[in-house]
C-alpha atoms as a PDB file:
ATOM      1  CA  MET A   1     -43.270 -45.499  18.963  1.00  0.00           C
ATOM      2  CA  ASP A   2     -44.502 -42.518  16.939  1.00  0.00           C
ATOM      3  CA  LYS A   3     -46.112 -40.985  20.014  1.00  0.00           C
ATOM      4  CA  ILE A   4     -43.010 -41.619  22.105  1.00  0.00           C
ATOM      5  CA  ILE A   5     -40.809 -39.948  19.487  1.00  0.00           C
ATOM      6  CA  GLU A   6     -43.250 -37.041  19.212  1.00  0.00           C
ATOM      7  CA  TYR A   7     -43.119 -36.390  22.959  1.00  0.00           C
ATOM      8  CA  GLN A   8     -39.490 -37.364  23.588  1.00  0.00           C
ATOM      9  CA  ALA A   9     -38.531 -33.816  24.682  1.00  0.00           C
ATOM     10  CA  GLU A  10     -41.295 -33.814  27.315  1.00  0.00           C
ATOM     11  CA  ILE A  11     -40.364 -37.348  28.407  1.00  0.00           C
ATOM     12  CA  TRP A  12     -36.714 -36.414  28.980  1.00  0.00           C
ATOM     13  CA  LEU A  13     -37.780 -33.252  30.789  1.00  0.00           C
ATOM     14  CA  SER A  14     -40.065 -35.227  33.114  1.00  0.00           C
ATOM     15  CA  ILE A  15     -37.328 -37.779  33.811  1.00  0.00           C
ATOM     16  CA  GLY A  16     -34.923 -34.955  34.632  1.00  0.00           C
ATOM     17  CA  GLN A  17     -37.469 -33.369  36.986  1.00  0.00           C
ATOM     18  CA  THR A  18     -37.963 -36.715  38.749  1.00  0.00           C
ATOM     19  CA  PHE A  19     -34.197 -37.109  39.204  1.00  0.00           C
ATOM     20  CA  VAL A  20     -33.950 -33.591  40.654  1.00  0.00           C
ATOM     21  CA  MET A  21     -36.763 -34.189  43.145  1.00  0.00           C
ATOM     22  CA  VAL A  22     -35.546 -37.628  44.196  1.00  0.00           C
ATOM     23  CA  GLY A  23     -31.880 -36.561  44.247  1.00  0.00           C
ATOM     24  CA  ILE A  24     -32.531 -33.650  46.600  1.00  0.00           C
ATOM     25  CA  SER A  25     -34.693 -35.905  48.774  1.00  0.00           C
ATOM     26  CA  ILE A  26     -31.869 -38.457  49.062  1.00  0.00           C
ATOM     27  CA  LEU A  27     -29.414 -35.679  49.913  1.00  0.00           C
ATOM     28  CA  ALA A  28     -31.745 -34.382  52.641  1.00  0.00           C
ATOM     29  CA  ALA A  29     -32.196 -37.911  53.979  1.00  0.00           C
ATOM     30  CA  ILE A  30     -28.433 -38.460  54.258  1.00  0.00           C
ATOM     31  CA  LEU A  31     -27.430 -35.013  55.524  1.00  0.00           C
ATOM     32  CA  VAL A  32     -30.298 -34.538  58.000  1.00  0.00           C
ATOM     33  CA  GLY A  33     -32.155 -37.843  58.326  1.00  0.00           C
ATOM     34  CA  LEU A  34     -29.033 -39.863  59.145  1.00  0.00           C
ATOM     35  CA  PRO A  35     -27.901 -37.591  62.023  1.00  0.00           C
ATOM     36  CA  LEU A  36     -31.498 -37.290  63.248  1.00  0.00           C
ATOM     37  CA  GLY A  37     -31.980 -41.055  63.295  1.00  0.00           C
ATOM     38  CA  THR A  38     -28.606 -41.497  64.966  1.00  0.00           C
ATOM     39  CA  TYR A  39     -29.484 -39.052  67.713  1.00  0.00           C
ATOM     40  CA  LEU A  40     -32.872 -40.708  68.182  1.00  0.00           C
ATOM     41  CA  TYR A  41     -30.952 -43.890  68.924  1.00  0.00           C
ATOM     42  CA  LEU A  42     -28.258 -42.251  71.070  1.00  0.00           C
ATOM     43  CA  SER A  43     -30.719 -40.246  73.172  1.00  0.00           C
ATOM     44  CA  ARG A  44     -32.721 -43.318  74.149  1.00  0.00           C
ATOM     45  CA  GLN A  45     -32.635 -44.440  77.749  1.00  0.00           C
ATOM     46  CA  GLY A  46     -29.349 -46.156  78.581  1.00  0.00           C
ATOM     47  CA  ASN A  47     -27.475 -44.943  75.486  1.00  0.00           C
ATOM     48  CA  LEU A  48     -24.508 -42.600  75.062  1.00  0.00           C
ATOM     49  CA  TYR A  49     -26.417 -39.303  74.925  1.00  0.00           C
ATOM     50  CA  GLU A  50     -29.461 -40.207  76.989  1.00  0.00           C
ATOM     51  CA  ASN A  51     -31.902 -37.293  76.976  1.00  0.00           C
ATOM     52  CA  LYS A  52     -35.521 -38.183  77.563  1.00  0.00           C
ATOM     53  CA  LEU A  53     -36.936 -34.737  76.730  1.00  0.00           C
ATOM     54  CA  LEU A  54     -35.075 -34.308  73.461  1.00  0.00           C
ATOM     55  CA  PHE A  55     -35.795 -37.892  72.444  1.00  0.00           C
ATOM     56  CA  THR A  56     -39.513 -37.328  73.033  1.00  0.00           C
ATOM     57  CA  ILE A  57     -39.498 -34.123  70.950  1.00  0.00           C
ATOM     58  CA  LEU A  58     -37.616 -35.678  68.021  1.00  0.00           C
ATOM     59  CA  ASP A  59     -39.577 -38.912  68.188  1.00  0.00           C
ATOM     60  CA  THR A  60     -42.873 -36.982  68.152  1.00  0.00           C
ATOM     61  CA  PHE A  61     -41.730 -34.888  65.166  1.00  0.00           C
ATOM     62  CA  VAL A  62     -40.826 -37.994  63.175  1.00  0.00           C
ATOM     63  CA  ASN A  63     -44.096 -39.703  64.062  1.00  0.00           C
ATOM     64  CA  ILE A  64     -46.205 -36.663  63.124  1.00  0.00           C
ATOM     65  CA  VAL A  65     -44.521 -36.186  59.742  1.00  0.00           C
ATOM     66  CA  ARG A  66     -44.754 -39.892  58.898  1.00  0.00           C
ATOM     67  CA  SER A  67     -48.408 -40.072  59.934  1.00  0.00           C
ATOM     68  CA  PHE A  68     -49.427 -37.376  57.424  1.00  0.00           C
ATOM     69  CA  PRO A  69     -50.894 -38.650  54.136  1.00  0.00           C
ATOM     70  CA  PHE A  70     -48.313 -37.291  51.706  1.00  0.00           C
ATOM     71  CA  LEU A  71     -50.809 -35.376  49.553  1.00  0.00           C
ATOM     72  CA  LEU A  72     -52.127 -33.560  52.633  1.00  0.00           C
ATOM     73  CA  LEU A  73     -48.574 -32.830  53.776  1.00  0.00           C
ATOM     74  CA  VAL A  74     -47.824 -31.190  50.418  1.00  0.00           C
ATOM     75  CA  VAL A  75     -50.897 -28.960  50.703  1.00  0.00           C
ATOM     76  CA  PHE A  76     -50.245 -28.202  54.376  1.00  0.00           C
ATOM     77  CA  LEU A  77     -46.667 -27.098  53.603  1.00  0.00           C
ATOM     78  CA  ILE A  78     -47.586 -24.754  50.727  1.00  0.00           C
ATOM     79  CA  PRO A  79     -47.205 -21.580  52.887  1.00  0.00           C
ATOM     80  CA  PHE A  80     -43.852 -22.827  54.234  1.00  0.00           C
ATOM     81  CA  THR A  81     -42.711 -23.784  50.730  1.00  0.00           C
ATOM     82  CA  ARG A  82     -43.628 -20.333  49.452  1.00  0.00           C
ATOM     83  CA  PHE A  83     -41.676 -18.758  52.318  1.00  0.00           C
ATOM     84  CA  VAL A  84     -38.549 -20.878  51.674  1.00  0.00           C
ATOM     85  CA  ILE A  85     -38.482 -20.993  47.863  1.00  0.00           C
ATOM     86  CA  GLY A  86     -40.494 -17.876  47.035  1.00  0.00           C
ATOM     87  CA  THR A  87     -43.134 -19.870  45.174  1.00  0.00           C
ATOM     88  CA  ALA A  88     -45.277 -22.933  45.785  1.00  0.00           C
ATOM     89  CA  LEU A  89     -45.035 -24.081  42.155  1.00  0.00           C
ATOM     90  CA  GLY A  90     -42.297 -25.815  40.223  1.00  0.00           C
ATOM     91  CA  THR A  91     -39.795 -28.617  40.654  1.00  0.00           C
ATOM     92  CA  MET A  92     -37.745 -26.856  43.333  1.00  0.00           C
ATOM     93  CA  ALA A  93     -40.889 -26.072  45.324  1.00  0.00           C
ATOM     94  CA  ALA A  94     -41.797 -29.760  45.157  1.00  0.00           C
ATOM     95  CA  THR A  95     -38.509 -30.676  46.812  1.00  0.00           C
ATOM     96  CA  VAL A  96     -39.517 -28.983  50.090  1.00  0.00           C
ATOM     97  CA  PRO A  97     -42.251 -31.422  51.178  1.00  0.00           C
ATOM     98  CA  LEU A  98     -40.294 -34.285  49.642  1.00  0.00           C
ATOM     99  CA  SER A  99     -37.223 -33.364  51.696  1.00  0.00           C
ATOM    100  CA  ILE A 100     -39.210 -33.100  54.919  1.00  0.00           C
ATOM    101  CA  ILE A 101     -40.867 -36.504  54.478  1.00  0.00           C
ATOM    102  CA  SER A 102     -37.529 -38.013  53.418  1.00  0.00           C
ATOM    103  CA  ILE A 103     -35.812 -36.754  56.583  1.00  0.00           C
ATOM    104  CA  ALA A 104     -38.462 -38.241  58.870  1.00  0.00           C
ATOM    105  CA  TYR A 105     -38.773 -41.465  56.883  1.00  0.00           C
ATOM    106  CA  TYR A 106     -35.052 -42.229  56.733  1.00  0.00           C
ATOM    107  CA  ALA A 107     -34.463 -41.105  60.331  1.00  0.00           C
ATOM    108  CA  ARG A 108     -36.780 -43.857  61.527  1.00  0.00           C
ATOM    109  CA  LEU A 109     -35.073 -46.444  59.310  1.00  0.00           C
ATOM    110  CA  VAL A 110     -31.667 -45.345  60.638  1.00  0.00           C
ATOM    111  CA  GLU A 111     -32.863 -45.672  64.227  1.00  0.00           C
ATOM    112  CA  GLN A 112     -34.157 -49.179  63.533  1.00  0.00           C
ATOM    113  CA  SER A 113     -30.872 -50.210  61.895  1.00  0.00           C
ATOM    114  CA  LEU A 114     -28.832 -48.935  64.844  1.00  0.00           C
ATOM    115  CA  LEU A 115     -31.107 -50.720  67.315  1.00  0.00           C
ATOM    116  CA  ASP A 116     -30.100 -53.983  65.606  1.00  0.00           C
ATOM    117  CA  VAL A 117     -26.457 -53.445  66.582  1.00  0.00           C
ATOM    118  CA  PRO A 118     -25.653 -55.676  69.601  1.00  0.00           C
ATOM    119  CA  LYS A 119     -25.149 -53.695  72.812  1.00  0.00           C
ATOM    120  CA  GLY A 120     -22.026 -55.730  73.494  1.00  0.00           C
ATOM    121  CA  ILE A 121     -20.190 -54.076  70.599  1.00  0.00           C
ATOM    122  CA  ILE A 122     -20.804 -50.600  72.019  1.00  0.00           C
ATOM    123  CA  GLU A 123     -19.801 -51.728  75.513  1.00  0.00           C
ATOM    124  CA  ALA A 124     -16.616 -53.314  74.151  1.00  0.00           C
ATOM    125  CA  ALA A 125     -15.738 -50.107  72.267  1.00  0.00           C
ATOM    126  CA  ILE A 126     -16.192 -47.987  75.404  1.00  0.00           C
ATOM    127  CA  SER A 127     -14.145 -50.432  77.498  1.00  0.00           C
ATOM    128  CA  MET A 128     -11.290 -50.108  74.959  1.00  0.00           C
ATOM    129  CA  GLY A 129     -11.264 -46.350  75.546  1.00  0.00           C
ATOM    130  CA  ALA A 130     -13.034 -45.228  72.383  1.00  0.00           C
ATOM    131  CA  SER A 131     -14.502 -41.727  72.498  1.00  0.00           C
ATOM    132  CA  LYS A 132     -18.200 -41.166  71.819  1.00  0.00           C
ATOM    133  CA  VAL A 133     -17.442 -39.935  68.303  1.00  0.00           C
ATOM    134  CA  GLN A 134     -15.292 -43.012  67.630  1.00  0.00           C
ATOM    135  CA  VAL A 135     -18.040 -45.273  68.965  1.00  0.00           C
ATOM    136  CA  ILE A 136     -20.495 -43.741  66.498  1.00  0.00           C
ATOM    137  CA  PHE A 137     -18.335 -43.679  63.372  1.00  0.00           C
ATOM    138  CA  LYS A 138     -15.969 -46.618  63.865  1.00  0.00           C
ATOM    139  CA  PHE A 139     -18.267 -49.090  65.592  1.00  0.00           C
ATOM    140  CA  LEU A 140     -21.962 -48.154  65.371  1.00  0.00           C
ATOM    141  CA  TYR A 141     -22.082 -47.118  61.704  1.00  0.00           C
ATOM    142  CA  ARG A 142     -19.673 -49.867  60.722  1.00  0.00           C
ATOM    143  CA  GLU A 143     -21.844 -52.569  62.252  1.00  0.00           C
ATOM    144  CA  ALA A 144     -25.081 -51.057  60.904  1.00  0.00           C
ATOM    145  CA  ARG A 145     -23.809 -50.141  57.417  1.00  0.00           C
ATOM    146  CA  SER A 146     -25.659 -52.965  55.639  1.00  0.00           C
ATOM    147  CA  GLY A 147     -28.973 -51.989  57.233  1.00  0.00           C
ATOM    148  CA  LEU A 148     -28.342 -48.295  56.556  1.00  0.00           C
ATOM    149  CA  ILE A 149     -27.770 -48.941  52.844  1.00  0.00           C
ATOM    150  CA  PHE A 150     -30.792 -51.214  52.603  1.00  0.00           C
ATOM    151  CA  GLY A 151     -32.884 -48.607  54.428  1.00  0.00           C
ATOM    152  CA  LEU A 152     -31.719 -45.883  52.032  1.00  0.00           C
ATOM    153  CA  THR A 153     -32.664 -48.125  49.109  1.00  0.00           C
ATOM    154  CA  THR A 154     -36.159 -48.638  50.515  1.00  0.00           C
ATOM    155  CA  ALA A 155     -36.473 -44.914  51.214  1.00  0.00           C
ATOM    156  CA  THR A 156     -35.341 -43.959  47.697  1.00  0.00           C
ATOM    157  CA  ILE A 157     -38.025 -46.136  46.134  1.00  0.00           C
ATOM    158  CA  SER A 158     -40.596 -44.466  48.379  1.00  0.00           C
ATOM    159  CA  PHE A 159     -39.294 -41.023  47.326  1.00  0.00           C
ATOM    160  CA  ILE A 160     -39.826 -41.981  43.671  1.00  0.00           C
ATOM    161  CA  SER A 161     -43.388 -42.985  44.506  1.00  0.00           C
ATOM    162  CA  TYR A 162     -43.965 -39.690  46.352  1.00  0.00           C
ATOM    163  CA  SER A 163     -42.525 -37.695  43.439  1.00  0.00           C
ATOM    164  CA  THR A 164     -45.218 -39.005  41.094  1.00  0.00           C
ATOM    165  CA  VAL A 165     -47.904 -36.942  42.868  1.00  0.00           C
ATOM    166  CA  MET A 166     -45.991 -33.660  42.788  1.00  0.00           C
ATOM    167  CA  GLY A 167     -47.867 -32.502  39.696  1.00  0.00           C
ATOM    168  CA  ILE A 168     -50.407 -30.893  42.025  1.00  0.00           C
ATOM    169  CA  VAL A 169     -47.862 -28.168  42.798  1.00  0.00           C
ATOM    170  CA  GLY A 170     -46.520 -28.032  39.260  1.00  0.00           C
ATOM    171  CA  GLY A 171     -43.513 -30.117  40.246  1.00  0.00           C
ATOM    172  CA  GLY A 172     -43.555 -32.078  37.025  1.00  0.00           C
ATOM    173  CA  GLY A 173     -41.882 -35.446  36.869  1.00  0.00           C
ATOM    174  CA  VAL A 174     -42.724 -38.749  35.222  1.00  0.00           C
ATOM    175  CA  GLY A 175     -45.995 -39.147  37.128  1.00  0.00           C
ATOM    176  CA  ASP A 176     -47.188 -35.698  36.076  1.00  0.00           C
ATOM    177  CA  PHE A 177     -46.279 -36.474  32.447  1.00  0.00           C
ATOM    178  CA  ALA A 178     -48.253 -39.739  32.584  1.00  0.00           C
ATOM    179  CA  ILE A 179     -51.361 -37.926  33.821  1.00  0.00           C
ATOM    180  CA  LYS A 180     -51.105 -34.899  31.490  1.00  0.00           C
ATOM    181  CA  TYR A 181     -50.120 -36.624  28.269  1.00  0.00           C
ATOM    182  CA  GLY A 182     -51.229 -40.190  28.892  1.00  0.00           C
ATOM    183  CA  TYR A 183     -54.398 -40.169  30.977  1.00  0.00           C
ATOM    184  CA  GLN A 184     -55.956 -36.789  30.142  1.00  0.00           C
ATOM    185  CA  ARG A 185     -55.273 -37.124  26.397  1.00  0.00           C
ATOM    186  CA  PHE A 186     -56.181 -40.827  26.294  1.00  0.00           C
ATOM    187  CA  GLU A 187     -52.719 -41.735  24.986  1.00  0.00           C
ATOM    188  CA  THR A 188     -52.446 -45.274  26.371  1.00  0.00           C
ATOM    189  CA  GLU A 189     -49.042 -45.816  24.739  1.00  0.00           C
ATOM    190  CA  LEU A 190     -47.532 -42.884  26.626  1.00  0.00           C
ATOM    191  CA  MET A 191     -49.101 -44.006  29.902  1.00  0.00           C
ATOM    192  CA  THR A 192     -47.711 -47.512  29.458  1.00  0.00           C
ATOM    193  CA  PHE A 193     -44.278 -46.200  28.487  1.00  0.00           C
ATOM    194  CA  THR A 194     -44.001 -44.023  31.607  1.00  0.00           C
ATOM    195  CA  ILE A 195     -45.072 -46.953  33.797  1.00  0.00           C
ATOM    196  CA  VAL A 196     -42.345 -49.107  32.216  1.00  0.00           C
ATOM    197  CA  ILE A 197     -39.791 -46.341  32.895  1.00  0.00           C
ATOM    198  CA  MET A 198     -40.789 -46.252  36.568  1.00  0.00           C
ATOM    199  CA  ILE A 199     -40.626 -50.038  36.892  1.00  0.00           C
ATOM    200  CA  ILE A 200     -37.148 -50.174  35.324  1.00  0.00           C
ATOM    201  CA  LEU A 201     -35.914 -47.331  37.544  1.00  0.00           C
ATOM    202  CA  VAL A 202     -37.247 -48.913  40.744  1.00  0.00           C
ATOM    203  CA  GLN A 203     -35.905 -52.362  39.842  1.00  0.00           C
ATOM    204  CA  ALA A 204     -32.442 -50.955  39.069  1.00  0.00           C
ATOM    205  CA  ILE A 205     -32.293 -49.108  42.392  1.00  0.00           C
ATOM    206  CA  GLN A 206     -33.519 -52.160  44.313  1.00  0.00           C
ATOM    207  CA  ILE A 207     -30.977 -54.499  42.684  1.00  0.00           C
ATOM    208  CA  ILE A 208     -28.046 -52.112  43.247  1.00  0.00           C
ATOM    209  CA  GLY A 209     -29.103 -51.374  46.825  1.00  0.00           C
ATOM    210  CA  THR A 210     -29.646 -55.029  47.733  1.00  0.00           C
ATOM    211  CA  LYS A 211     -26.322 -56.135  46.254  1.00  0.00           C
ATOM    212  CA  THR A 212     -24.445 -53.329  48.008  1.00  0.00           C
ATOM    213  CA  SER A 213     -26.162 -54.122  51.295  1.00  0.00           C
ATOM    214  CA  LYS A 214     -25.313 -57.829  51.029  1.00  0.00           C
ATOM    215  CA  LYS A 215     -21.699 -57.018  50.159  1.00  0.00           C
ATOM    216  CA  LEU A 216     -21.371 -54.888  53.297  1.00  0.00           C
ATOM    217  CA  ASP A 217     -23.185 -57.381  55.523  1.00  0.00           C
ATOM    218  CA  LYS A 218     -20.607 -59.030  57.796  1.00  0.00           C
ATOM    219  CA  ARG A 219     -22.978 -61.954  58.399  1.00  0.00           C
ATOM    220  CA  SER A 220     -22.998 -63.025  54.726  1.00  0.00           C
END
Protein backbone atom coordinates (compact mmCIF):
# COMPACT_ATOMS: atom_id res chain seq x y z
CA MET A 1 0.00 0.00 0.00
CA ASP A 2 2.93 2.35 0.63
CA LYS A 3 3.95 2.20 -3.02
CA ILE A 4 0.37 2.73 -4.17
CA ILE A 5 0.02 5.78 -1.92
CA GLU A 6 3.39 7.10 -3.10
CA TYR A 7 2.35 6.92 -6.75
CA GLN A 8 -1.35 7.73 -6.34
CA ALA A 9 -1.05 10.97 -8.38
CA GLU A 10 0.47 9.05 -11.32
CA ILE A 11 -2.13 6.28 -10.95
CA TRP A 12 -5.05 8.74 -11.14
CA LEU A 13 -3.41 10.50 -14.07
CA SER A 14 -3.02 7.21 -15.96
CA ILE A 15 -6.63 6.25 -15.24
CA GLY A 16 -7.78 9.64 -16.52
CA GLN A 17 -5.70 9.22 -19.70
CA THR A 18 -7.23 5.78 -20.28
CA PHE A 19 -10.75 7.19 -19.88
CA VAL A 20 -9.97 9.97 -22.37
CA MET A 21 -8.61 7.56 -24.97
CA VAL A 22 -11.41 5.02 -24.56
CA GLY A 23 -14.11 7.70 -24.30
CA ILE A 24 -13.11 9.34 -27.58
CA SER A 25 -12.89 5.91 -29.21
CA ILE A 26 -16.44 5.07 -28.10
CA LEU A 27 -17.66 8.44 -29.38
CA ALA A 28 -16.01 7.81 -32.76
CA ALA A 29 -17.51 4.32 -32.88
CA ILE A 30 -21.03 5.64 -32.27
CA LEU A 31 -20.87 8.77 -34.42
CA VAL A 32 -19.02 7.24 -37.39
CA GLY A 33 -18.91 3.47 -36.91
CA LEU A 34 -22.66 3.11 -36.41
CA PRO A 35 -23.61 4.97 -39.63
CA LEU A 36 -20.81 3.20 -41.52
CA GLY A 37 -21.97 -0.23 -40.37
CA THR A 38 -25.56 0.69 -41.15
CA TYR A 39 -24.69 1.74 -44.67
CA LEU A 40 -22.63 -1.42 -45.16
CA TYR A 41 -25.82 -3.33 -44.42
CA LEU A 42 -28.12 -1.09 -46.46
CA SER A 43 -25.87 -1.05 -49.53
CA ARG A 44 -25.74 -4.83 -49.75
CA GLN A 45 -27.43 -6.51 -52.68
CA GLY A 46 -31.21 -6.53 -52.27
CA ASN A 47 -31.32 -3.93 -49.48
CA LEU A 48 -32.74 -0.40 -49.35
CA TYR A 49 -29.71 1.48 -50.69
CA GLU A 50 -28.15 -1.22 -52.84
CA ASN A 51 -24.86 0.05 -54.26
CA LYS A 52 -22.33 -2.60 -55.16
CA LEU A 53 -19.43 -0.20 -55.82
CA LEU A 54 -19.80 1.78 -52.61
CA PHE A 55 -20.34 -1.39 -50.58
CA THR A 56 -17.12 -2.86 -51.99
CA ILE A 57 -15.14 0.31 -51.15
CA LEU A 58 -16.46 0.54 -47.58
CA ASP A 59 -16.17 -3.19 -46.99
CA THR A 60 -12.55 -3.16 -48.21
CA PHE A 61 -11.71 -0.19 -45.96
CA VAL A 62 -13.12 -1.95 -42.91
CA ASN A 63 -11.32 -5.18 -43.74
CA ILE A 64 -7.97 -3.44 -44.29
CA VAL A 65 -8.13 -1.49 -41.02
CA ARG A 66 -9.19 -4.56 -39.03
CA SER A 67 -6.48 -6.72 -40.59
CA PHE A 68 -3.69 -4.40 -39.37
CA PRO A 69 -1.92 -5.49 -36.17
CA PHE A 70 -2.78 -2.56 -33.92
CA LEU A 71 0.83 -1.70 -33.04
CA LEU A 72 1.72 -1.47 -36.74
CA LEU A 73 -1.38 0.64 -37.39
CA VAL A 74 -0.27 3.12 -34.71
CA VAL A 75 3.18 3.43 -36.29
CA PHE A 76 1.76 3.61 -39.82
CA LEU A 77 -0.58 6.46 -38.83
CA ILE A 78 2.09 8.61 -37.14
CA PRO A 79 2.38 11.01 -40.14
CA PHE A 80 -1.42 11.31 -40.35
CA THR A 81 -1.67 11.81 -36.59
CA ARG A 82 0.94 14.55 -36.75
CA PHE A 83 -0.99 16.22 -39.57
CA VAL A 84 -4.32 16.10 -37.69
CA ILE A 85 -3.21 16.86 -34.12
CA GLY A 86 0.06 18.68 -34.78
CA THR A 87 2.08 16.10 -32.87
CA ALA A 88 2.45 12.34 -32.78
CA LEU A 89 2.93 12.26 -29.00
CA GLY A 90 0.50 12.55 -26.13
CA THR A 91 -2.93 11.32 -25.12
CA MET A 92 -4.81 13.23 -27.82
CA ALA A 93 -2.44 11.93 -30.49
CA ALA A 94 -3.14 8.40 -29.25
CA THR A 95 -6.85 8.88 -29.87
CA VAL A 96 -6.34 9.12 -33.65
CA PRO A 97 -5.36 5.48 -34.32
CA LEU A 98 -7.72 4.35 -31.58
CA SER A 99 -10.61 6.19 -33.23
CA ILE A 100 -9.84 4.75 -36.66
CA ILE A 101 -9.69 1.16 -35.39
CA SER A 102 -12.82 1.74 -33.30
CA ILE A 103 -14.78 2.97 -36.33
CA ALA A 104 -13.87 -0.07 -38.42
CA TYR A 105 -14.30 -2.53 -35.55
CA TYR A 106 -17.74 -1.32 -34.47
CA ALA A 107 -18.93 -0.85 -38.07
CA ARG A 108 -18.47 -4.57 -38.66
CA LEU A 109 -20.28 -5.44 -35.43
CA VAL A 110 -23.16 -3.13 -36.41
CA GLU A 111 -23.42 -4.76 -39.82
CA GLN A 112 -23.54 -8.21 -38.23
CA SER A 113 -26.25 -7.13 -35.77
CA LEU A 114 -28.40 -5.68 -38.55
CA LEU A 115 -27.99 -8.83 -40.64
CA ASP A 116 -29.65 -10.73 -37.77
CA VAL A 117 -32.85 -8.70 -38.19
CA PRO A 118 -35.42 -10.84 -40.08
CA LYS A 119 -36.06 -9.61 -43.62
CA GLY A 120 -39.78 -9.95 -42.99
CA ILE A 121 -39.73 -7.03 -40.55
CA ILE A 122 -38.23 -4.70 -43.15
CA GLU A 123 -40.67 -5.91 -45.81
CA ALA A 124 -43.60 -5.40 -43.44
CA ALA A 125 -42.43 -1.86 -42.63
CA ILE A 126 -42.17 -0.96 -46.32
CA SER A 127 -45.59 -2.47 -47.05
CA MET A 128 -47.08 -0.26 -44.30
CA GLY A 129 -45.74 2.81 -46.12
CA ALA A 130 -42.76 3.57 -43.90
CA SER A 131 -40.10 5.78 -45.46
CA LYS A 132 -36.49 4.59 -45.70
CA VAL A 133 -35.51 6.76 -42.73
CA GLN A 134 -38.40 5.35 -40.67
CA VAL A 135 -37.41 1.81 -41.64
CA ILE A 136 -33.90 2.43 -40.33
CA PHE A 137 -34.71 4.21 -37.07
CA LYS A 138 -38.10 2.78 -36.10
CA PHE A 139 -37.72 -0.80 -37.27
CA LEU A 140 -34.11 -1.77 -38.06
CA TYR A 141 -32.41 -0.17 -35.05
CA ARG A 142 -35.28 -1.10 -32.77
CA GLU A 143 -35.03 -4.78 -33.66
CA ALA A 144 -31.22 -4.79 -33.51
CA ARG A 145 -30.81 -2.65 -30.38
CA SER A 146 -29.83 -5.56 -28.11
CA GLY A 147 -27.11 -6.70 -30.52
CA LEU A 148 -25.91 -3.12 -31.03
CA ILE A 149 -25.47 -2.59 -27.28
CA PHE A 150 -23.76 -5.94 -26.84
CA GLY A 151 -21.48 -5.15 -29.79
CA LEU A 152 -20.58 -1.77 -28.29
CA THR A 153 -19.77 -3.50 -25.00
CA THR A 154 -17.45 -5.94 -26.76
CA ALA A 155 -15.87 -3.10 -28.73
CA THR A 156 -15.32 -0.98 -25.60
CA ILE A 157 -13.42 -3.80 -23.91
CA SER A 158 -11.26 -4.13 -27.01
CA PHE A 159 -10.61 -0.36 -26.97
CA ILE A 160 -9.39 -0.64 -23.37
CA SER A 161 -7.03 -3.41 -24.45
CA TYR A 162 -5.77 -1.31 -27.37
CA SER A 163 -5.24 1.71 -25.10
CA THR A 164 -2.73 -0.21 -22.98
CA VAL A 165 -0.16 -0.17 -25.81
CA MET A 166 -0.41 3.56 -26.50
CA GLY A 167 2.66 4.29 -24.38
CA ILE A 168 4.74 3.90 -27.54
CA VAL A 169 3.45 7.29 -28.71
CA GLY A 170 3.49 8.82 -25.25
CA GLY A 171 -0.25 8.32 -24.91
CA GLY A 172 0.01 7.33 -21.28
CA GLY A 173 -2.76 5.33 -19.69
CA VAL A 174 -2.88 2.48 -17.20
CA GLY A 175 -0.86 0.14 -19.41
CA ASP A 176 1.91 2.69 -19.83
CA PHE A 177 1.98 3.26 -16.06
CA ALA A 178 2.27 -0.49 -15.43
CA ILE A 179 5.28 -0.75 -17.75
CA LYS A 180 7.05 2.44 -16.58
CA TYR A 181 6.53 2.15 -12.85
CA GLY A 182 5.80 -1.54 -12.41
CA TYR A 183 7.85 -3.52 -14.92
CA GLN A 184 10.84 -1.25 -15.58
CA ARG A 185 11.32 -0.39 -11.88
CA PHE A 186 10.60 -3.94 -10.70
CA GLU A 187 7.69 -2.74 -8.55
CA THR A 188 5.55 -5.89 -8.58
CA GLU A 189 2.94 -4.33 -6.27
CA LEU A 190 2.26 -1.52 -8.73
CA MET A 191 2.09 -3.94 -11.66
CA THR A 192 -0.40 -6.13 -9.81
CA PHE A 193 -2.48 -3.13 -8.73
CA THR A 194 -2.81 -1.82 -12.30
CA ILE A 195 -3.81 -5.29 -13.52
CA VAL A 196 -6.52 -5.44 -10.84
CA ILE A 197 -7.77 -2.00 -11.94
CA MET A 198 -8.06 -3.20 -15.54
CA ILE A 199 -9.86 -6.39 -14.52
CA ILE A 200 -12.38 -4.47 -12.40
CA LEU A 201 -12.97 -1.93 -15.19
CA VAL A 202 -13.51 -4.61 -17.85
CA GLN A 203 -15.79 -6.68 -15.60
CA ALA A 204 -17.92 -3.63 -14.74
CA ILE A 205 -18.34 -2.70 -18.40
CA GLN A 206 -19.17 -6.30 -19.36
CA ILE A 207 -21.78 -6.68 -16.60
CA ILE A 208 -23.48 -3.35 -17.40
CA GLY A 209 -23.42 -4.01 -21.14
CA THR A 210 -24.75 -7.56 -20.84
CA LYS A 211 -27.57 -6.55 -18.50
CA THR A 212 -28.57 -3.64 -20.73
CA SER A 213 -28.49 -5.85 -23.80
CA LYS A 214 -30.66 -8.51 -22.14
CA LYS A 215 -33.13 -5.87 -20.96
CA LEU A 216 -33.53 -4.58 -24.52
CA ASP A 217 -33.72 -8.06 -26.06
CA LYS A 218 -37.33 -8.68 -27.13
CA ARG A 219 -36.71 -12.44 -27.12
CA SER A 220 -35.96 -12.56 -23.37
